[in-house]
PDB file of all heavy atoms in Angstrom:
ATOM      1  N   MET A   1     -26.437 224.397  36.856  1.00  0.00           N
ATOM      2  CA  MET A   1     -26.345 225.416  37.868  1.00  0.00           C
ATOM      3  C   MET A   1     -26.012 224.744  39.228  1.00  0.00           C
ATOM      4  O   MET A   1     -25.270 225.297  40.062  1.00  0.00           O
ATOM      5  CB  MET A   1     -27.629 226.226  37.943  1.00  0.00           C
ATOM      6  CG  MET A   1     -27.797 227.280  36.829  1.00  0.00           C
ATOM      7  SD  MET A   1     -26.380 228.474  36.812  1.00  0.00           S
ATOM      8  CE  MET A   1     -26.498 229.246  38.418  1.00  0.00           C
ATOM      9  N   ALA A   2     -26.564 223.570  39.491  1.00  0.00           N
ATOM     10  CA  ALA A   2     -26.277 222.870  40.731  1.00  0.00           C
ATOM     11  C   ALA A   2     -24.730 222.532  40.818  1.00  0.00           C
ATOM     12  O   ALA A   2     -24.103 222.746  41.861  1.00  0.00           O
ATOM     13  CB  ALA A   2     -27.053 221.603  40.826  1.00  0.00           C
ATOM     14  N   LYS A   3     -24.128 222.195  39.635  1.00  0.00           N
ATOM     15  CA  LYS A   3     -22.780 221.878  39.625  1.00  0.00           C
ATOM     16  C   LYS A   3     -21.963 223.189  39.922  1.00  0.00           C
ATOM     17  O   LYS A   3     -20.927 223.147  40.573  1.00  0.00           O
ATOM     18  CB  LYS A   3     -22.348 221.300  38.280  1.00  0.00           C
ATOM     19  CG  LYS A   3     -22.787 219.890  38.130  1.00  0.00           C
ATOM     20  CD  LYS A   3     -22.383 219.312  36.745  1.00  0.00           C
ATOM     21  CE  LYS A   3     -22.766 217.940  36.625  1.00  0.00           C
ATOM     22  NZ  LYS A   3     -22.105 217.192  35.498  1.00  0.00           N
ATOM     23  N   TRP A   4     -22.416 224.256  39.351  1.00  0.00           N
ATOM     24  CA  TRP A   4     -21.724 225.545  39.574  1.00  0.00           C
ATOM     25  C   TRP A   4     -21.719 225.963  41.034  1.00  0.00           C
ATOM     26  O   TRP A   4     -20.682 226.295  41.654  1.00  0.00           O
ATOM     27  CB  TRP A   4     -22.322 226.692  38.675  1.00  0.00           C
ATOM     28  CG  TRP A   4     -21.622 227.956  38.875  1.00  0.00           C
ATOM     29  CD1 TRP A   4     -20.440 228.358  38.150  1.00  0.00           C
ATOM     30  CD2 TRP A   4     -21.963 229.037  39.709  1.00  0.00           C
ATOM     31  NE1 TRP A   4     -20.070 229.653  38.581  1.00  0.00           N
ATOM     32  CE2 TRP A   4     -20.949 229.988  39.610  1.00  0.00           C
ATOM     33  CE3 TRP A   4     -23.003 229.229  40.638  1.00  0.00           C
ATOM     34  CZ2 TRP A   4     -21.027 231.242  40.255  1.00  0.00           C
ATOM     35  CZ3 TRP A   4     -22.998 230.380  41.355  1.00  0.00           C
ATOM     36  CH2 TRP A   4     -22.045 231.469  41.186  1.00  0.00           C
ATOM     37  N   TYR A   5     -22.916 225.928  41.689  1.00  0.00           N
ATOM     38  CA  TYR A   5     -23.065 226.289  43.071  1.00  0.00           C
ATOM     39  C   TYR A   5     -22.235 225.371  43.935  1.00  0.00           C
ATOM     40  O   TYR A   5     -21.528 225.781  44.872  1.00  0.00           O
ATOM     41  CB  TYR A   5     -24.525 226.273  43.538  1.00  0.00           C
ATOM     42  CG  TYR A   5     -25.282 227.511  43.131  1.00  0.00           C
ATOM     43  CD1 TYR A   5     -26.205 227.408  42.135  1.00  0.00           C
ATOM     44  CD2 TYR A   5     -25.076 228.725  43.817  1.00  0.00           C
ATOM     45  CE1 TYR A   5     -26.960 228.537  41.771  1.00  0.00           C
ATOM     46  CE2 TYR A   5     -25.846 229.838  43.445  1.00  0.00           C
ATOM     47  CZ  TYR A   5     -26.770 229.708  42.454  1.00  0.00           C
ATOM     48  OH  TYR A   5     -27.528 230.822  42.049  1.00  0.00           O
ATOM     49  N   ALA A   6     -22.312 224.059  43.647  1.00  0.00           N
ATOM     50  CA  ALA A   6     -21.618 223.004  44.461  1.00  0.00           C
ATOM     51  C   ALA A   6     -20.152 223.235  44.403  1.00  0.00           C
ATOM     52  O   ALA A   6     -19.394 223.177  45.362  1.00  0.00           O
ATOM     53  CB  ALA A   6     -21.982 221.659  44.072  1.00  0.00           C
ATOM     54  N   GLY A   7     -19.604 223.431  43.176  1.00  0.00           N
ATOM     55  CA  GLY A   7     -18.192 223.699  42.955  1.00  0.00           C
ATOM     56  C   GLY A   7     -17.688 224.926  43.688  1.00  0.00           C
ATOM     57  O   GLY A   7     -16.657 224.981  44.342  1.00  0.00           O
ATOM     58  N   ARG A   8     -18.439 225.909  43.525  1.00  0.00           N
ATOM     59  CA  ARG A   8     -18.105 227.285  44.184  1.00  0.00           C
ATOM     60  C   ARG A   8     -18.036 227.099  45.699  1.00  0.00           C
ATOM     61  O   ARG A   8     -17.152 227.505  46.317  1.00  0.00           O
ATOM     62  CB  ARG A   8     -19.193 228.294  43.801  1.00  0.00           C
ATOM     63  CG  ARG A   8     -18.975 229.627  44.432  1.00  0.00           C
ATOM     64  CD  ARG A   8     -20.128 230.634  43.924  1.00  0.00           C
ATOM     65  NE  ARG A   8     -20.083 231.886  44.475  1.00  0.00           N
ATOM     66  CZ  ARG A   8     -20.945 232.384  45.352  1.00  0.00           C
ATOM     67  NH1 ARG A   8     -22.016 231.694  45.631  1.00  0.00           N
ATOM     68  NH2 ARG A   8     -20.830 233.563  45.833  1.00  0.00           N
ATOM     69  N   PHE A   9     -19.081 226.393  46.274  1.00  0.00           N
ATOM     70  CA  PHE A   9     -19.096 226.209  47.734  1.00  0.00           C
ATOM     71  C   PHE A   9     -17.984 225.308  48.182  1.00  0.00           C
ATOM     72  O   PHE A   9     -17.381 225.548  49.184  1.00  0.00           O
ATOM     73  CB  PHE A   9     -20.449 225.743  48.153  1.00  0.00           C
ATOM     74  CG  PHE A   9     -20.662 225.652  49.663  1.00  0.00           C
ATOM     75  CD1 PHE A   9     -20.553 226.652  50.474  1.00  0.00           C
ATOM     76  CD2 PHE A   9     -20.998 224.344  50.226  1.00  0.00           C
ATOM     77  CE1 PHE A   9     -20.689 226.612  51.875  1.00  0.00           C
ATOM     78  CE2 PHE A   9     -21.125 224.278  51.597  1.00  0.00           C
ATOM     79  CZ  PHE A   9     -20.988 225.366  52.428  1.00  0.00           C
ATOM     80  N   ALA A  10     -17.789 224.225  47.501  1.00  0.00           N
ATOM     81  CA  ALA A  10     -16.759 223.261  47.911  1.00  0.00           C
ATOM     82  C   ALA A  10     -15.331 223.983  47.852  1.00  0.00           C
ATOM     83  O   ALA A  10     -14.597 223.788  48.733  1.00  0.00           O
ATOM     84  CB  ALA A  10     -16.684 222.049  46.946  1.00  0.00           C
ATOM     85  N   ASP A  11     -15.066 224.722  46.782  1.00  0.00           N
ATOM     86  CA  ASP A  11     -13.873 225.465  46.738  1.00  0.00           C
ATOM     87  C   ASP A  11     -13.711 226.487  47.940  1.00  0.00           C
ATOM     88  O   ASP A  11     -12.693 226.587  48.550  1.00  0.00           O
ATOM     89  CB  ASP A  11     -13.706 226.237  45.436  1.00  0.00           C
ATOM     90  CG  ASP A  11     -13.501 225.300  44.219  1.00  0.00           C
ATOM     91  OD1 ASP A  11     -13.162 224.140  44.463  1.00  0.00           O
ATOM     92  OD2 ASP A  11     -13.648 225.814  43.100  1.00  0.00           O
ATOM     93  N   TYR A  12     -14.789 227.197  48.217  1.00  0.00           N
ATOM     94  CA  TYR A  12     -14.825 228.077  49.324  1.00  0.00           C
ATOM     95  C   TYR A  12     -14.523 227.339  50.643  1.00  0.00           C
ATOM     96  O   TYR A  12     -13.728 227.861  51.443  1.00  0.00           O
ATOM     97  CB  TYR A  12     -16.130 228.832  49.393  1.00  0.00           C
ATOM     98  CG  TYR A  12     -16.380 229.651  50.628  1.00  0.00           C
ATOM     99  CD1 TYR A  12     -15.999 230.992  50.693  1.00  0.00           C
ATOM    100  CD2 TYR A  12     -17.021 229.088  51.727  1.00  0.00           C
ATOM    101  CE1 TYR A  12     -16.135 231.727  51.811  1.00  0.00           C
ATOM    102  CE2 TYR A  12     -17.199 229.817  52.871  1.00  0.00           C
ATOM    103  CZ  TYR A  12     -16.754 231.153  52.963  1.00  0.00           C
ATOM    104  OH  TYR A  12     -16.968 231.900  54.056  1.00  0.00           O
ATOM    105  N   LEU A  13     -15.125 226.279  50.893  1.00  0.00           N
ATOM    106  CA  LEU A  13     -15.009 225.482  52.056  1.00  0.00           C
ATOM    107  C   LEU A  13     -13.465 225.075  52.238  1.00  0.00           C
ATOM    108  O   LEU A  13     -12.812 225.310  53.257  1.00  0.00           O
ATOM    109  CB  LEU A  13     -15.813 224.262  52.188  1.00  0.00           C
ATOM    110  CG  LEU A  13     -17.283 224.454  52.457  1.00  0.00           C
ATOM    111  CD1 LEU A  13     -17.970 223.095  52.437  1.00  0.00           C
ATOM    112  CD2 LEU A  13     -17.508 225.184  53.835  1.00  0.00           C
ATOM    113  N   ALA A  14     -12.892 224.550  51.093  1.00  0.00           N
ATOM    114  CA  ALA A  14     -11.537 224.059  51.170  1.00  0.00           C
ATOM    115  C   ALA A  14     -10.568 225.285  51.436  1.00  0.00           C
ATOM    116  O   ALA A  14      -9.626 225.042  52.198  1.00  0.00           O
ATOM    117  CB  ALA A  14     -11.182 223.399  49.809  1.00  0.00           C
ATOM    118  N   GLU A  15     -10.874 226.396  50.840  1.00  0.00           N
ATOM    119  CA  GLU A  15     -10.015 227.558  50.964  1.00  0.00           C
ATOM    120  C   GLU A  15     -10.036 228.170  52.376  1.00  0.00           C
ATOM    121  O   GLU A  15      -9.095 228.899  52.737  1.00  0.00           O
ATOM    122  CB  GLU A  15     -10.294 228.606  49.893  1.00  0.00           C
ATOM    123  CG  GLU A  15      -9.934 228.183  48.479  1.00  0.00           C
ATOM    124  CD  GLU A  15     -10.554 229.040  47.421  1.00  0.00           C
ATOM    125  OE1 GLU A  15     -11.140 230.118  47.734  1.00  0.00           O
ATOM    126  OE2 GLU A  15     -10.517 228.628  46.265  1.00  0.00           O
ATOM    127  N   ASN A  16     -11.156 227.982  53.031  1.00  0.00           N
ATOM    128  CA  ASN A  16     -11.355 228.641  54.302  1.00  0.00           C
ATOM    129  C   ASN A  16     -11.471 227.723  55.471  1.00  0.00           C
ATOM    130  O   ASN A  16     -11.931 228.039  56.530  1.00  0.00           O
ATOM    131  CB  ASN A  16     -12.653 229.517  54.274  1.00  0.00           C
ATOM    132  CG  ASN A  16     -12.506 230.658  53.276  1.00  0.00           C
ATOM    133  OD1 ASN A  16     -11.858 231.674  53.643  1.00  0.00           O
ATOM    134  ND2 ASN A  16     -12.966 230.496  52.029  1.00  0.00           N
ATOM    135  N   ALA A  17     -11.033 226.452  55.344  1.00  0.00           N
ATOM    136  CA  ALA A  17     -11.142 225.446  56.352  1.00  0.00           C
ATOM    137  C   ALA A  17     -10.527 225.845  57.750  1.00  0.00           C
ATOM    138  O   ALA A  17     -10.927 225.338  58.717  1.00  0.00           O
ATOM    139  CB  ALA A  17     -10.588 224.120  55.829  1.00  0.00           C
ATOM    140  N   ASP A  18      -9.527 226.691  57.694  1.00  0.00           N
ATOM    141  CA  ASP A  18      -8.833 227.109  58.919  1.00  0.00           C
ATOM    142  C   ASP A  18      -9.483 228.349  59.516  1.00  0.00           C
ATOM    143  O   ASP A  18      -8.895 228.808  60.617  1.00  0.00           O
ATOM    144  CB  ASP A  18      -7.363 227.391  58.604  1.00  0.00           C
ATOM    145  CG  ASP A  18      -7.148 228.457  57.567  1.00  0.00           C
ATOM    146  OD1 ASP A  18      -8.107 228.835  56.806  1.00  0.00           O
ATOM    147  OD2 ASP A  18      -6.014 228.989  57.528  1.00  0.00           O
ATOM    148  N   ARG A  19     -10.561 228.919  58.969  1.00  0.00           N
ATOM    149  CA  ARG A  19     -11.140 230.124  59.539  1.00  0.00           C
ATOM    150  C   ARG A  19     -12.310 229.723  60.457  1.00  0.00           C
ATOM    151  O   ARG A  19     -13.246 229.028  60.091  1.00  0.00           O
ATOM    152  CB  ARG A  19     -11.682 230.970  58.407  1.00  0.00           C
ATOM    153  CG  ARG A  19     -10.605 231.555  57.589  1.00  0.00           C
ATOM    154  CD  ARG A  19     -11.058 232.421  56.501  1.00  0.00           C
ATOM    155  NE  ARG A  19     -12.026 233.434  56.981  1.00  0.00           N
ATOM    156  CZ  ARG A  19     -13.117 233.787  56.254  1.00  0.00           C
ATOM    157  NH1 ARG A  19     -13.334 233.245  55.055  1.00  0.00           N
ATOM    158  NH2 ARG A  19     -13.984 234.685  56.725  1.00  0.00           N
ATOM    159  N   ASP A  20     -12.270 230.097  61.688  1.00  0.00           N
ATOM    160  CA  ASP A  20     -13.345 229.847  62.695  1.00  0.00           C
ATOM    161  C   ASP A  20     -14.707 230.327  62.218  1.00  0.00           C
ATOM    162  O   ASP A  20     -15.737 229.723  62.528  1.00  0.00           O
ATOM    163  CB  ASP A  20     -13.052 230.456  64.070  1.00  0.00           C
ATOM    164  CG  ASP A  20     -11.886 229.817  64.735  1.00  0.00           C
ATOM    165  OD1 ASP A  20     -11.494 228.636  64.387  1.00  0.00           O
ATOM    166  OD2 ASP A  20     -11.367 230.430  65.709  1.00  0.00           O
ATOM    167  N   GLU A  21     -14.765 231.463  61.500  1.00  0.00           N
ATOM    168  CA  GLU A  21     -16.068 232.048  61.230  1.00  0.00           C
ATOM    169  C   GLU A  21     -16.869 231.199  60.215  1.00  0.00           C
ATOM    170  O   GLU A  21     -18.083 231.394  60.101  1.00  0.00           O
ATOM    171  CB  GLU A  21     -15.914 233.473  60.652  1.00  0.00           C
ATOM    172  CG  GLU A  21     -14.995 233.687  59.460  1.00  0.00           C
ATOM    173  CD  GLU A  21     -13.588 234.037  59.865  1.00  0.00           C
ATOM    174  OE1 GLU A  21     -13.197 233.803  61.022  1.00  0.00           O
ATOM    175  OE2 GLU A  21     -12.901 234.518  59.027  1.00  0.00           O
ATOM    176  N   ILE A  22     -16.322 230.140  59.617  1.00  0.00           N
ATOM    177  CA  ILE A  22     -17.124 229.309  58.788  1.00  0.00           C
ATOM    178  C   ILE A  22     -17.727 228.168  59.638  1.00  0.00           C
ATOM    179  O   ILE A  22     -18.467 227.315  59.052  1.00  0.00           O
ATOM    180  CB  ILE A  22     -16.423 228.788  57.546  1.00  0.00           C
ATOM    181  CG1 ILE A  22     -15.415 227.684  57.822  1.00  0.00           C
ATOM    182  CG2 ILE A  22     -15.834 229.893  56.734  1.00  0.00           C
ATOM    183  CD1 ILE A  22     -14.973 226.843  56.594  1.00  0.00           C
ATOM    184  N   PHE A  23     -17.420 228.145  60.899  1.00  0.00           N
ATOM    185  CA  PHE A  23     -17.894 227.118  61.793  1.00  0.00           C
ATOM    186  C   PHE A  23     -18.645 227.647  62.965  1.00  0.00           C
ATOM    187  O   PHE A  23     -19.275 226.872  63.716  1.00  0.00           O
ATOM    188  CB  PHE A  23     -16.796 226.219  62.326  1.00  0.00           C
ATOM    189  CG  PHE A  23     -15.987 225.436  61.197  1.00  0.00           C
ATOM    190  CD1 PHE A  23     -14.665 225.835  60.861  1.00  0.00           C
ATOM    191  CD2 PHE A  23     -16.619 224.394  60.521  1.00  0.00           C
ATOM    192  CE1 PHE A  23     -14.039 225.211  59.859  1.00  0.00           C
ATOM    193  CE2 PHE A  23     -15.957 223.756  59.503  1.00  0.00           C
ATOM    194  CZ  PHE A  23     -14.646 224.123  59.238  1.00  0.00           C
ATOM    195  N   GLU A  24     -18.596 228.909  63.248  1.00  0.00           N
ATOM    196  CA  GLU A  24     -19.219 229.531  64.431  1.00  0.00           C
ATOM    197  C   GLU A  24     -20.151 230.683  64.025  1.00  0.00           C
ATOM    198  O   GLU A  24     -19.683 231.616  63.426  1.00  0.00           O
ATOM    199  CB  GLU A  24     -18.158 230.034  65.379  1.00  0.00           C
ATOM    200  CG  GLU A  24     -17.196 228.927  65.901  1.00  0.00           C
ATOM    201  CD  GLU A  24     -15.998 229.479  66.644  1.00  0.00           C
ATOM    202  OE1 GLU A  24     -15.914 230.673  67.045  1.00  0.00           O
ATOM    203  OE2 GLU A  24     -15.074 228.700  66.913  1.00  0.00           O
ATOM    204  N   TYR A  25     -21.375 230.530  64.477  1.00  0.00           N
ATOM    205  CA  TYR A  25     -22.377 231.533  64.208  1.00  0.00           C
ATOM    206  C   TYR A  25     -22.040 232.895  64.768  1.00  0.00           C
ATOM    207  O   TYR A  25     -21.609 232.967  65.910  1.00  0.00           O
ATOM    208  CB  TYR A  25     -23.670 231.233  64.803  1.00  0.00           C
ATOM    209  CG  TYR A  25     -24.634 230.401  64.048  1.00  0.00           C
ATOM    210  CD1 TYR A  25     -25.519 229.526  64.644  1.00  0.00           C
ATOM    211  CD2 TYR A  25     -24.776 230.541  62.680  1.00  0.00           C
ATOM    212  CE1 TYR A  25     -26.514 228.835  64.004  1.00  0.00           C
ATOM    213  CE2 TYR A  25     -25.716 229.831  62.022  1.00  0.00           C
ATOM    214  CZ  TYR A  25     -26.649 228.934  62.646  1.00  0.00           C
ATOM    215  OH  TYR A  25     -27.565 228.333  62.028  1.00  0.00           O
ATOM    216  N   PRO A  26     -22.287 234.005  64.080  1.00  0.00           N
ATOM    217  CA  PRO A  26     -22.246 235.330  64.750  1.00  0.00           C
ATOM    218  C   PRO A  26     -23.604 235.443  65.313  1.00  0.00           C
ATOM    219  O   PRO A  26     -24.620 235.390  64.684  1.00  0.00           O
ATOM    220  CB  PRO A  26     -22.044 236.291  63.524  1.00  0.00           C
ATOM    221  CG  PRO A  26     -22.632 235.514  62.408  1.00  0.00           C
ATOM    222  CD  PRO A  26     -22.399 234.144  62.666  1.00  0.00           C
ATOM    223  N   ARG A  27     -23.685 235.634  66.629  1.00  0.00           N
ATOM    224  CA  ARG A  27     -24.970 235.679  67.383  1.00  0.00           C
ATOM    225  C   ARG A  27     -25.458 237.124  67.598  1.00  0.00           C
ATOM    226  O   ARG A  27     -24.686 238.047  67.684  1.00  0.00           O
ATOM    227  CB  ARG A  27     -24.803 235.067  68.753  1.00  0.00           C
ATOM    228  CG  ARG A  27     -24.538 233.593  68.673  1.00  0.00           C
ATOM    229  CD  ARG A  27     -25.743 232.724  68.503  1.00  0.00           C
ATOM    230  NE  ARG A  27     -25.435 231.382  68.401  1.00  0.00           N
ATOM    231  CZ  ARG A  27     -26.372 230.462  68.076  1.00  0.00           C
ATOM    232  NH1 ARG A  27     -27.549 230.806  67.772  1.00  0.00           N
ATOM    233  NH2 ARG A  27     -26.009 229.189  68.052  1.00  0.00           N
ATOM    234  N   SER A  28     -26.757 237.283  67.543  1.00  0.00           N
ATOM    235  CA  SER A  28     -27.406 238.498  67.924  1.00  0.00           C
ATOM    236  C   SER A  28     -27.840 238.313  69.361  1.00  0.00           C
ATOM    237  O   SER A  28     -28.047 237.236  69.845  1.00  0.00           O
ATOM    238  CB  SER A  28     -28.606 238.693  67.026  1.00  0.00           C
ATOM    239  OG  SER A  28     -28.235 238.961  65.685  1.00  0.00           O
ATOM    240  N   GLU A  29     -28.076 239.365  70.003  1.00  0.00           N
ATOM    241  CA  GLU A  29     -28.532 239.316  71.401  1.00  0.00           C
ATOM    242  C   GLU A  29     -29.739 240.015  71.568  1.00  0.00           C
ATOM    243  O   GLU A  29     -30.080 241.007  70.824  1.00  0.00           O
ATOM    244  CB  GLU A  29     -27.424 239.951  72.326  1.00  0.00           C
ATOM    245  CG  GLU A  29     -26.134 239.211  72.245  1.00  0.00           C
ATOM    246  CD  GLU A  29     -25.149 239.774  73.284  1.00  0.00           C
ATOM    247  OE1 GLU A  29     -25.500 240.411  74.253  1.00  0.00           O
ATOM    248  OE2 GLU A  29     -23.949 239.583  73.037  1.00  0.00           O
ATOM    249  N   ARG A  30     -30.596 239.575  72.558  1.00  0.00           N
ATOM    250  CA  ARG A  30     -31.835 240.252  72.941  1.00  0.00           C
ATOM    251  C   ARG A  30     -31.506 241.000  74.195  1.00  0.00           C
ATOM    252  O   ARG A  30     -31.204 240.404  75.228  1.00  0.00           O
ATOM    253  CB  ARG A  30     -32.941 239.245  73.098  1.00  0.00           C
ATOM    254  CG  ARG A  30     -33.365 238.689  71.857  1.00  0.00           C
ATOM    255  CD  ARG A  30     -34.591 237.845  72.008  1.00  0.00           C
ATOM    256  NE  ARG A  30     -35.673 238.665  71.577  1.00  0.00           N
ATOM    257  CZ  ARG A  30     -36.956 238.255  71.551  1.00  0.00           C
ATOM    258  NH1 ARG A  30     -37.284 237.050  71.874  1.00  0.00           N
ATOM    259  NH2 ARG A  30     -37.946 239.039  71.173  1.00  0.00           N
TER     260      ARG A  30
END
């Protein structure tokens, strides 16, 4: 299962490396 999650996440990172939202938090405000 670790291999499955790791592969899934690595593929996701590689496919989305040009998207700002995988590097910048969506913030909530008070």
